[in-house]
Amino acid sequence: MRSIQQDEIAVPNGEALFGALFGQAAVGVAVGSIEGRFLRANDALCRMLGYSEQELLHRTIRDITQVDDLDSNLELREQLLSGQAQSRLYEKRYRRRDGSPIWVEMVATVVRDGAGAPQCVVALVHDITELKFAQDALKASEFRFRRMVELSSDWYWVQDENLRFLELPGLGKRGMDAAAIVG
């Protein structure tokens, strides 16, 4: 019985491979022109944004990007087109068709021809809206807890595994020097 060699494994041609990747439903995939127009959008991206592919083809990335994120979007685009960056992972906000914001994490790269000229931009887009909400809730909870500790008349502290004091909130308002105790 012979083993399969690496060079014997058939890799699908470009169109078949692209079609398989593009058609998957877990991550949004967008192909855009160098100018920022949508050229293709898979079903996952369309569901995420609430647009049909045909509707997206009549829009630009700028049209669906939250206003506060436009400048960073342009900066990233310039880095990719100039060749300063091969690809980038970044977070930004889009506006869904209904106007509601959606946080996404995206990886974008420029596809170049044999001479190195930019042909199009390909982006993989993952909805992280729920993650952002959870992070915001955690920050708010931590802020409330810290405020409670600061306003409390009880003593609270944080120690490391060697029982050294790392934090002693409220020492300053009691006229004590934290540097003398912490560590």
N, C-alpha and C. Protein backbone atom coordinates (compact mmCIF):
# COMPACT_ATOMS: atom_id res chain seq x y z
N MET A 1 0.84 -1.17 0.00
CA MET A 1 0.00 0.00 0.00
C MET A 1 0.88 1.23 0.00
N ARG A 2 0.60 2.15 -0.92
CA ARG A 2 1.48 3.31 -0.99
C ARG A 2 0.81 4.53 -0.36
N SER A 3 1.62 5.42 0.18
CA SER A 3 1.08 6.62 0.80
C SER A 3 0.92 7.71 -0.25
N ILE A 4 0.01 8.62 0.02
CA ILE A 4 -0.23 9.72 -0.90
C ILE A 4 0.85 10.78 -0.67
N GLN A 5 1.51 11.15 -1.73
CA GLN A 5 2.53 12.19 -1.67
C GLN A 5 1.87 13.56 -1.77
N GLN A 6 2.54 14.56 -1.23
CA GLN A 6 2.01 15.92 -1.25
C GLN A 6 1.69 16.39 -2.67
N ASP A 7 2.56 16.06 -3.63
CA ASP A 7 2.34 16.53 -4.99
C ASP A 7 1.23 15.78 -5.72
N GLU A 8 0.71 14.72 -5.12
CA GLU A 8 -0.38 13.96 -5.73
C GLU A 8 -1.76 14.48 -5.32
N ILE A 9 -1.81 15.34 -4.33
CA ILE A 9 -3.09 15.87 -3.86
C ILE A 9 -3.56 16.95 -4.84
N ALA A 10 -4.75 16.78 -5.33
CA ALA A 10 -5.28 17.73 -6.31
C ALA A 10 -5.85 18.95 -5.61
N VAL A 11 -5.38 20.11 -6.00
CA VAL A 11 -5.90 21.38 -5.50
C VAL A 11 -6.81 21.93 -6.59
N PRO A 12 -8.01 22.34 -6.23
CA PRO A 12 -8.93 22.84 -7.25
C PRO A 12 -8.35 24.07 -7.96
N ASN A 13 -8.79 24.30 -9.18
CA ASN A 13 -8.32 25.49 -9.89
C ASN A 13 -8.83 26.75 -9.20
N GLY A 14 -8.37 27.89 -9.62
CA GLY A 14 -8.68 29.16 -8.97
C GLY A 14 -10.16 29.44 -8.84
N GLU A 15 -10.94 29.23 -9.90
CA GLU A 15 -12.36 29.54 -9.85
C GLU A 15 -13.11 28.60 -8.90
N ALA A 16 -12.77 27.32 -8.92
CA ALA A 16 -13.42 26.37 -8.02
C ALA A 16 -13.07 26.66 -6.57
N LEU A 17 -11.82 26.99 -6.32
CA LEU A 17 -11.38 27.30 -4.96
C LEU A 17 -12.05 28.59 -4.47
N PHE A 18 -12.05 29.62 -5.33
CA PHE A 18 -12.69 30.88 -4.97
C PHE A 18 -14.18 30.67 -4.71
N GLY A 19 -14.84 29.91 -5.57
CA GLY A 19 -16.28 29.66 -5.39
C GLY A 19 -16.59 28.97 -4.08
N ALA A 20 -15.74 28.02 -3.68
CA ALA A 20 -15.95 27.31 -2.41
C ALA A 20 -15.76 28.25 -1.23
N LEU A 21 -14.74 29.09 -1.29
CA LEU A 21 -14.50 30.03 -0.20
C LEU A 21 -15.57 31.12 -0.16
N PHE A 22 -15.94 31.62 -1.31
CA PHE A 22 -16.89 32.71 -1.40
C PHE A 22 -18.29 32.27 -0.94
N GLY A 23 -18.65 31.05 -1.26
CA GLY A 23 -19.98 30.56 -0.95
C GLY A 23 -20.20 30.13 0.48
N GLN A 24 -19.16 29.99 1.27
CA GLN A 24 -19.34 29.55 2.66
C GLN A 24 -20.17 30.57 3.40
N ALA A 25 -20.86 30.15 4.43
CA ALA A 25 -21.84 31.01 5.09
C ALA A 25 -21.39 31.58 6.43
N ALA A 26 -20.24 31.20 6.91
CA ALA A 26 -19.84 31.62 8.26
C ALA A 26 -19.26 33.03 8.30
N VAL A 27 -18.62 33.48 7.25
CA VAL A 27 -17.93 34.77 7.24
C VAL A 27 -18.34 35.53 5.99
N GLY A 28 -18.56 36.84 6.15
CA GLY A 28 -18.86 37.66 5.00
C GLY A 28 -17.62 37.82 4.12
N VAL A 29 -17.82 37.79 2.83
CA VAL A 29 -16.74 37.99 1.88
C VAL A 29 -17.17 39.08 0.91
N ALA A 30 -16.29 40.07 0.73
CA ALA A 30 -16.56 41.14 -0.22
C ALA A 30 -15.38 41.28 -1.16
N VAL A 31 -15.68 41.51 -2.42
CA VAL A 31 -14.67 41.86 -3.40
C VAL A 31 -15.03 43.27 -3.85
N GLY A 32 -14.06 44.17 -3.75
CA GLY A 32 -14.32 45.56 -4.09
C GLY A 32 -13.33 46.10 -5.10
N SER A 33 -13.75 47.11 -5.82
CA SER A 33 -12.86 47.76 -6.77
C SER A 33 -11.83 48.59 -5.99
N ILE A 34 -10.81 49.01 -6.67
CA ILE A 34 -9.79 49.86 -6.06
C ILE A 34 -10.41 51.17 -5.60
N GLU A 35 -11.45 51.63 -6.28
CA GLU A 35 -12.13 52.88 -5.93
C GLU A 35 -13.09 52.71 -4.76
N GLY A 36 -13.36 51.46 -4.34
CA GLY A 36 -14.22 51.24 -3.18
C GLY A 36 -15.64 50.78 -3.49
N ARG A 37 -15.93 50.45 -4.74
CA ARG A 37 -17.26 49.93 -5.09
C ARG A 37 -17.31 48.43 -4.84
N PHE A 38 -18.46 47.93 -4.45
CA PHE A 38 -18.65 46.49 -4.30
C PHE A 38 -18.69 45.85 -5.69
N LEU A 39 -17.95 44.77 -5.86
CA LEU A 39 -17.98 44.00 -7.09
C LEU A 39 -18.69 42.66 -6.88
N ARG A 40 -18.51 42.10 -5.69
CA ARG A 40 -19.18 40.84 -5.29
C ARG A 40 -19.37 40.89 -3.78
N ALA A 41 -20.41 40.22 -3.32
CA ALA A 41 -20.67 40.08 -1.89
C ALA A 41 -21.36 38.74 -1.68
N ASN A 42 -20.87 37.95 -0.73
CA ASN A 42 -21.49 36.65 -0.52
C ASN A 42 -22.75 36.78 0.34
N ASP A 43 -23.48 35.68 0.47
CA ASP A 43 -24.75 35.68 1.21
C ASP A 43 -24.55 36.07 2.67
N ALA A 44 -23.46 35.61 3.28
CA ALA A 44 -23.22 35.92 4.69
C ALA A 44 -23.09 37.43 4.90
N LEU A 45 -22.37 38.10 4.03
CA LEU A 45 -22.22 39.56 4.14
C LEU A 45 -23.56 40.25 3.90
N CYS A 46 -24.29 39.79 2.91
CA CYS A 46 -25.60 40.38 2.62
C CYS A 46 -26.54 40.25 3.81
N ARG A 47 -26.57 39.08 4.45
CA ARG A 47 -27.41 38.89 5.65
C ARG A 47 -26.95 39.82 6.77
N MET A 48 -25.65 39.93 6.95
CA MET A 48 -25.09 40.78 8.01
C MET A 48 -25.55 42.23 7.85
N LEU A 49 -25.52 42.72 6.61
CA LEU A 49 -25.79 44.13 6.34
C LEU A 49 -27.25 44.42 6.00
N GLY A 50 -28.01 43.37 5.66
CA GLY A 50 -29.42 43.56 5.32
C GLY A 50 -29.65 44.01 3.89
N TYR A 51 -28.66 43.90 3.05
CA TYR A 51 -28.78 44.26 1.64
C TYR A 51 -28.71 43.01 0.78
N SER A 52 -29.30 43.07 -0.41
CA SER A 52 -29.08 42.02 -1.40
C SER A 52 -27.74 42.32 -2.08
N GLU A 53 -27.19 41.33 -2.76
CA GLU A 53 -25.93 41.57 -3.47
C GLU A 53 -26.12 42.67 -4.51
N GLN A 54 -27.24 42.66 -5.21
CA GLN A 54 -27.49 43.69 -6.23
C GLN A 54 -27.52 45.10 -5.62
N GLU A 55 -28.11 45.22 -4.43
CA GLU A 55 -28.13 46.53 -3.77
C GLU A 55 -26.72 46.97 -3.39
N LEU A 56 -25.91 46.04 -2.91
CA LEU A 56 -24.53 46.38 -2.55
C LEU A 56 -23.71 46.78 -3.77
N LEU A 57 -23.98 46.17 -4.92
CA LEU A 57 -23.24 46.49 -6.13
C LEU A 57 -23.44 47.93 -6.58
N HIS A 58 -24.48 48.57 -6.06
CA HIS A 58 -24.75 49.98 -6.38
C HIS A 58 -24.27 50.91 -5.27
N ARG A 59 -23.48 50.37 -4.34
CA ARG A 59 -22.98 51.16 -3.22
C ARG A 59 -21.46 51.04 -3.14
N THR A 60 -20.91 51.95 -2.35
CA THR A 60 -19.48 51.89 -2.07
C THR A 60 -19.29 51.52 -0.60
N ILE A 61 -18.09 51.15 -0.26
CA ILE A 61 -17.77 50.87 1.15
C ILE A 61 -18.06 52.12 1.97
N ARG A 62 -17.73 53.27 1.42
CA ARG A 62 -17.97 54.55 2.11
C ARG A 62 -19.46 54.75 2.43
N ASP A 63 -20.34 54.32 1.52
CA ASP A 63 -21.78 54.49 1.72
C ASP A 63 -22.29 53.77 2.97
N ILE A 64 -21.68 52.64 3.32
CA ILE A 64 -22.21 51.85 4.44
C ILE A 64 -21.33 51.94 5.69
N THR A 65 -20.24 52.72 5.62
CA THR A 65 -19.34 52.87 6.77
C THR A 65 -19.85 53.97 7.69
N GLN A 66 -19.82 53.72 9.00
CA GLN A 66 -20.20 54.75 9.97
C GLN A 66 -19.31 55.97 9.77
N VAL A 67 -19.87 57.15 9.88
CA VAL A 67 -19.15 58.40 9.62
C VAL A 67 -17.88 58.50 10.45
N ASP A 68 -17.93 58.11 11.72
CA ASP A 68 -16.75 58.22 12.59
C ASP A 68 -15.60 57.31 12.16
N ASP A 69 -15.87 56.33 11.33
CA ASP A 69 -14.84 55.38 10.90
C ASP A 69 -14.30 55.67 9.50
N LEU A 70 -14.78 56.71 8.85
CA LEU A 70 -14.37 56.99 7.47
C LEU A 70 -12.89 57.32 7.35
N ASP A 71 -12.36 58.14 8.26
CA ASP A 71 -10.95 58.53 8.16
C ASP A 71 -10.01 57.34 8.31
N SER A 72 -10.28 56.48 9.30
CA SER A 72 -9.42 55.31 9.49
C SER A 72 -9.56 54.35 8.31
N ASN A 73 -10.75 54.32 7.70
CA ASN A 73 -10.97 53.48 6.53
C ASN A 73 -10.10 53.96 5.35
N LEU A 74 -10.02 55.27 5.15
CA LEU A 74 -9.20 55.83 4.07
C LEU A 74 -7.72 55.57 4.32
N GLU A 75 -7.30 55.71 5.57
CA GLU A 75 -5.90 55.46 5.93
C GLU A 75 -5.52 54.01 5.64
N LEU A 76 -6.37 53.09 6.02
CA LEU A 76 -6.13 51.67 5.76
C LEU A 76 -6.07 51.40 4.27
N ARG A 77 -6.99 51.96 3.52
CA ARG A 77 -7.03 51.78 2.07
C ARG A 77 -5.72 52.23 1.44
N GLU A 78 -5.22 53.39 1.85
CA GLU A 78 -3.97 53.91 1.30
C GLU A 78 -2.79 53.00 1.63
N GLN A 79 -2.76 52.46 2.85
CA GLN A 79 -1.68 51.54 3.23
C GLN A 79 -1.70 50.30 2.36
N LEU A 80 -2.88 49.77 2.10
CA LEU A 80 -3.00 48.56 1.28
C LEU A 80 -2.64 48.84 -0.18
N LEU A 81 -3.17 49.91 -0.74
CA LEU A 81 -2.93 50.20 -2.16
C LEU A 81 -1.48 50.57 -2.44
N SER A 82 -0.84 51.26 -1.48
CA SER A 82 0.55 51.67 -1.68
C SER A 82 1.53 50.51 -1.52
N GLY A 83 1.04 49.41 -0.97
CA GLY A 83 1.92 48.27 -0.72
C GLY A 83 2.63 48.36 0.62
N GLN A 84 2.33 49.40 1.37
CA GLN A 84 2.90 49.57 2.71
C GLN A 84 2.48 48.41 3.62
N ALA A 85 1.31 47.86 3.35
CA ALA A 85 0.81 46.71 4.11
C ALA A 85 0.28 45.67 3.14
N GLN A 86 0.57 44.41 3.39
CA GLN A 86 0.09 43.30 2.56
C GLN A 86 -1.39 43.03 2.84
N SER A 87 -1.73 42.98 4.11
CA SER A 87 -3.12 42.82 4.53
C SER A 87 -3.23 43.45 5.91
N ARG A 88 -4.46 43.69 6.31
CA ARG A 88 -4.71 44.30 7.61
C ARG A 88 -5.89 43.65 8.29
N LEU A 89 -5.78 43.50 9.60
CA LEU A 89 -6.88 43.06 10.44
C LEU A 89 -7.31 44.28 11.23
N TYR A 90 -8.57 44.63 11.15
CA TYR A 90 -9.03 45.81 11.86
C TYR A 90 -10.52 45.71 12.18
N GLU A 91 -10.94 46.58 13.09
CA GLU A 91 -12.34 46.65 13.48
C GLU A 91 -12.91 47.96 12.97
N LYS A 92 -14.15 47.92 12.57
CA LYS A 92 -14.84 49.13 12.14
C LYS A 92 -16.34 48.92 12.28
N ARG A 93 -17.08 49.98 12.05
CA ARG A 93 -18.54 49.91 12.11
C ARG A 93 -19.12 50.19 10.74
N TYR A 94 -20.08 49.38 10.38
CA TYR A 94 -20.89 49.61 9.19
C TYR A 94 -22.27 50.03 9.65
N ARG A 95 -23.07 50.52 8.71
CA ARG A 95 -24.49 50.79 8.93
C ARG A 95 -25.27 49.76 8.12
N ARG A 96 -26.14 49.04 8.84
CA ARG A 96 -27.02 48.10 8.14
C ARG A 96 -28.03 48.88 7.31
N ARG A 97 -28.74 48.16 6.50
CA ARG A 97 -29.75 48.79 5.64
C ARG A 97 -30.77 49.56 6.47
N ASP A 98 -31.14 49.03 7.65
CA ASP A 98 -32.12 49.71 8.51
C ASP A 98 -31.51 50.87 9.30
N GLY A 99 -30.22 51.15 9.10
CA GLY A 99 -29.55 52.27 9.77
C GLY A 99 -28.85 51.90 11.06
N SER A 100 -29.09 50.71 11.57
CA SER A 100 -28.46 50.30 12.83
C SER A 100 -26.98 49.98 12.59
N PRO A 101 -26.16 50.26 13.61
CA PRO A 101 -24.72 49.98 13.46
C PRO A 101 -24.41 48.50 13.66
N ILE A 102 -23.35 48.07 13.02
CA ILE A 102 -22.84 46.71 13.19
C ILE A 102 -21.33 46.81 13.29
N TRP A 103 -20.78 46.22 14.33
CA TRP A 103 -19.33 46.15 14.49
C TRP A 103 -18.83 44.93 13.74
N VAL A 104 -17.75 45.12 12.97
CA VAL A 104 -17.16 44.00 12.25
C VAL A 104 -15.65 43.98 12.47
N GLU A 105 -15.12 42.77 12.43
CA GLU A 105 -13.67 42.60 12.37
C GLU A 105 -13.41 42.11 10.97
N MET A 106 -12.47 42.75 10.31
CA MET A 106 -12.25 42.39 8.92
C MET A 106 -10.78 42.26 8.61
N VAL A 107 -10.50 41.37 7.67
CA VAL A 107 -9.16 41.22 7.12
C VAL A 107 -9.28 41.62 5.66
N ALA A 108 -8.50 42.60 5.26
CA ALA A 108 -8.54 43.06 3.88
C ALA A 108 -7.17 42.92 3.24
N THR A 109 -7.18 42.61 1.96
CA THR A 109 -5.94 42.51 1.20
C THR A 109 -6.20 42.96 -0.23
N VAL A 110 -5.16 43.42 -0.88
CA VAL A 110 -5.25 43.86 -2.27
C VAL A 110 -4.75 42.72 -3.16
N VAL A 111 -5.53 42.40 -4.19
CA VAL A 111 -5.11 41.41 -5.18
C VAL A 111 -4.41 42.19 -6.29
N ARG A 112 -3.19 41.76 -6.63
CA ARG A 112 -2.38 42.47 -7.63
C ARG A 112 -2.14 41.58 -8.84
N ASP A 113 -1.90 42.21 -9.97
CA ASP A 113 -1.58 41.44 -11.18
C ASP A 113 -0.09 41.07 -11.17
N GLY A 114 0.37 40.41 -12.23
CA GLY A 114 1.76 39.96 -12.29
C GLY A 114 2.77 41.08 -12.19
N ALA A 115 2.39 42.29 -12.61
CA ALA A 115 3.28 43.45 -12.55
C ALA A 115 3.20 44.17 -11.21
N GLY A 116 2.31 43.72 -10.35
CA GLY A 116 2.17 44.34 -9.02
C GLY A 116 1.14 45.44 -8.94
N ALA A 117 0.41 45.68 -10.03
CA ALA A 117 -0.62 46.72 -10.02
C ALA A 117 -1.87 46.21 -9.30
N PRO A 118 -2.47 47.04 -8.43
CA PRO A 118 -3.68 46.62 -7.71
C PRO A 118 -4.84 46.34 -8.66
N GLN A 119 -5.52 45.21 -8.45
CA GLN A 119 -6.67 44.83 -9.27
C GLN A 119 -7.99 44.98 -8.52
N CYS A 120 -8.01 44.53 -7.28
CA CYS A 120 -9.22 44.63 -6.47
C CYS A 120 -8.84 44.41 -5.00
N VAL A 121 -9.81 44.63 -4.15
CA VAL A 121 -9.63 44.41 -2.71
C VAL A 121 -10.55 43.28 -2.29
N VAL A 122 -10.03 42.36 -1.49
CA VAL A 122 -10.84 41.26 -0.96
C VAL A 122 -10.86 41.40 0.56
N ALA A 123 -12.03 41.28 1.14
CA ALA A 123 -12.16 41.40 2.59
C ALA A 123 -12.99 40.25 3.14
N LEU A 124 -12.53 39.70 4.26
CA LEU A 124 -13.29 38.73 5.05
C LEU A 124 -13.85 39.49 6.23
N VAL A 125 -15.16 39.40 6.44
CA VAL A 125 -15.86 40.24 7.41
C VAL A 125 -16.58 39.36 8.42
N HIS A 126 -16.32 39.60 9.72
CA HIS A 126 -16.94 38.83 10.79
C HIS A 126 -17.69 39.79 11.70
N ASP A 127 -18.95 39.50 11.98
CA ASP A 127 -19.79 40.32 12.86
C ASP A 127 -19.34 40.14 14.31
N ILE A 128 -18.88 41.23 14.93
CA ILE A 128 -18.45 41.18 16.34
C ILE A 128 -19.31 42.10 17.21
N THR A 129 -20.50 42.42 16.75
CA THR A 129 -21.38 43.33 17.48
C THR A 129 -21.66 42.83 18.89
N GLU A 130 -22.01 41.56 19.04
CA GLU A 130 -22.30 41.02 20.38
C GLU A 130 -21.07 41.06 21.27
N LEU A 131 -19.90 40.79 20.70
CA LEU A 131 -18.65 40.89 21.47
C LEU A 131 -18.44 42.31 21.97
N LYS A 132 -18.67 43.30 21.12
CA LYS A 132 -18.52 44.70 21.52
C LYS A 132 -19.49 45.06 22.64
N PHE A 133 -20.74 44.59 22.53
CA PHE A 133 -21.71 44.85 23.59
C PHE A 133 -21.27 44.22 24.91
N ALA A 134 -20.75 42.99 24.84
CA ALA A 134 -20.27 42.31 26.05
C ALA A 134 -19.07 43.05 26.65
N GLN A 135 -18.17 43.52 25.81
CA GLN A 135 -17.01 44.28 26.32
C GLN A 135 -17.46 45.57 26.99
N ASP A 136 -18.41 46.27 26.37
CA ASP A 136 -18.93 47.51 26.96
C ASP A 136 -19.61 47.23 28.31
N ALA A 137 -20.37 46.14 28.38
CA ALA A 137 -21.05 45.78 29.63
C ALA A 137 -20.02 45.44 30.71
N LEU A 138 -18.96 44.75 30.34
CA LEU A 138 -17.91 44.41 31.30
C LEU A 138 -17.21 45.67 31.81
N LYS A 139 -16.91 46.61 30.91
CA LYS A 139 -16.27 47.87 31.32
C LYS A 139 -17.18 48.64 32.28
N ALA A 140 -18.48 48.69 31.96
CA ALA A 140 -19.43 49.40 32.83
C ALA A 140 -19.51 48.73 34.19
N SER A 141 -19.52 47.41 34.21
CA SER A 141 -19.58 46.68 35.47
C SER A 141 -18.33 46.92 36.29
N GLU A 142 -17.18 46.87 35.64
CA GLU A 142 -15.92 47.11 36.35
C GLU A 142 -15.88 48.53 36.90
N PHE A 143 -16.36 49.51 36.13
CA PHE A 143 -16.39 50.89 36.60
C PHE A 143 -17.28 51.01 37.83
N ARG A 144 -18.48 50.38 37.79
CA ARG A 144 -19.38 50.43 38.95
C ARG A 144 -18.73 49.79 40.17
N PHE A 145 -18.07 48.66 40.00
CA PHE A 145 -17.41 47.98 41.11
C PHE A 145 -16.30 48.86 41.69
N ARG A 146 -15.47 49.43 40.83
CA ARG A 146 -14.38 50.29 41.31
C ARG A 146 -14.93 51.50 42.06
N ARG A 147 -15.99 52.09 41.53
CA ARG A 147 -16.62 53.23 42.21
C ARG A 147 -17.14 52.82 43.58
N MET A 148 -17.76 51.65 43.66
CA MET A 148 -18.28 51.15 44.93
C MET A 148 -17.14 50.98 45.94
N VAL A 149 -16.03 50.42 45.48
CA VAL A 149 -14.89 50.21 46.37
C VAL A 149 -14.32 51.55 46.82
N GLU A 150 -14.19 52.50 45.90
CA GLU A 150 -13.64 53.80 46.24
C GLU A 150 -14.51 54.55 47.24
N LEU A 151 -15.82 54.39 47.14
CA LEU A 151 -16.73 55.12 48.02
C LEU A 151 -17.02 54.39 49.33
N SER A 152 -16.59 53.17 49.43
CA SER A 152 -16.88 52.35 50.60
C SER A 152 -16.02 52.78 51.80
N SER A 153 -16.57 52.59 52.98
CA SER A 153 -15.79 52.84 54.19
C SER A 153 -15.03 51.58 54.61
N ASP A 154 -15.33 50.46 53.96
CA ASP A 154 -14.59 49.22 54.23
C ASP A 154 -13.28 49.23 53.46
N TRP A 155 -12.37 48.37 53.91
CA TRP A 155 -11.08 48.23 53.23
C TRP A 155 -11.15 47.07 52.26
N TYR A 156 -10.67 47.30 51.06
CA TYR A 156 -10.55 46.26 50.04
C TYR A 156 -9.15 46.33 49.49
N TRP A 157 -8.60 45.18 49.12
CA TRP A 157 -7.27 45.17 48.54
C TRP A 157 -7.11 44.00 47.59
N VAL A 158 -6.04 44.08 46.80
CA VAL A 158 -5.68 43.01 45.87
C VAL A 158 -4.27 42.58 46.22
N GLN A 159 -4.10 41.24 46.36
CA GLN A 159 -2.78 40.70 46.67
C GLN A 159 -2.38 39.71 45.59
N ASP A 160 -1.05 39.55 45.43
CA ASP A 160 -0.56 38.56 44.48
C ASP A 160 -0.40 37.21 45.18
N GLU A 161 0.17 36.23 44.47
CA GLU A 161 0.30 34.88 45.04
C GLU A 161 1.26 34.82 46.22
N ASN A 162 2.11 35.85 46.40
CA ASN A 162 3.05 35.91 47.53
C ASN A 162 2.51 36.80 48.65
N LEU A 163 1.23 37.11 48.58
CA LEU A 163 0.52 37.92 49.58
C LEU A 163 1.03 39.36 49.68
N ARG A 164 1.65 39.84 48.57
CA ARG A 164 2.07 41.25 48.53
C ARG A 164 0.88 42.07 48.06
N PHE A 165 0.73 43.25 48.63
CA PHE A 165 -0.35 44.15 48.24
C PHE A 165 -0.07 44.73 46.85
N LEU A 166 -1.04 44.61 45.97
CA LEU A 166 -0.93 45.19 44.64
C LEU A 166 -1.76 46.46 44.52
N GLU A 167 -2.91 46.45 45.16
CA GLU A 167 -3.81 47.61 45.14
C GLU A 167 -4.46 47.77 46.51
N LEU A 168 -4.51 48.99 46.96
CA LEU A 168 -5.23 49.33 48.18
C LEU A 168 -6.02 50.60 47.91
N PRO A 169 -7.19 50.48 47.27
CA PRO A 169 -7.98 51.66 46.94
C PRO A 169 -8.36 52.44 48.19
N GLY A 170 -8.36 53.74 48.06
CA GLY A 170 -8.83 54.59 49.15
C GLY A 170 -7.76 55.04 50.13
N LEU A 171 -6.52 54.61 49.97
CA LEU A 171 -5.48 55.03 50.91
C LEU A 171 -5.26 56.53 50.85
N GLY A 172 -5.28 57.08 49.65
CA GLY A 172 -5.03 58.51 49.47
C GLY A 172 -6.04 59.37 50.20
N LYS A 173 -7.31 58.99 50.17
CA LYS A 173 -8.33 59.80 50.84
C LYS A 173 -8.27 59.65 52.36
N ARG A 174 -7.51 58.66 52.82
CA ARG A 174 -7.32 58.49 54.27
C ARG A 174 -5.98 59.07 54.74
N GLY A 175 -5.28 59.76 53.79
CA GLY A 175 -4.03 60.42 54.15
C GLY A 175 -2.85 59.47 54.26
N MET A 176 -2.94 58.30 53.67
CA MET A 176 -1.85 57.32 53.76
C MET A 176 -1.15 57.22 52.41
N ASP A 177 0.14 56.90 52.43
CA ASP A 177 0.93 56.76 51.22
C ASP A 177 0.89 55.32 50.75
N ALA A 178 0.30 55.08 49.57
CA ALA A 178 0.18 53.73 49.04
C ALA A 178 1.55 53.14 48.74
N ALA A 179 2.54 53.96 48.35
CA ALA A 179 3.86 53.46 48.01
C ALA A 179 4.55 52.77 49.19
N ALA A 180 4.19 53.15 50.39
CA ALA A 180 4.78 52.55 51.58
C ALA A 180 4.25 51.14 51.83
N ILE A 181 3.11 50.80 51.26
CA ILE A 181 2.46 49.52 51.54
C ILE A 181 2.46 48.59 50.33
N VAL A 182 2.17 49.15 49.14
CA VAL A 182 2.04 48.34 47.93
C VAL A 182 3.39 47.75 47.57
N GLY A 183 3.42 46.46 47.25
CA GLY A 183 4.64 45.77 46.86
C GLY A 183 5.27 45.07 48.02
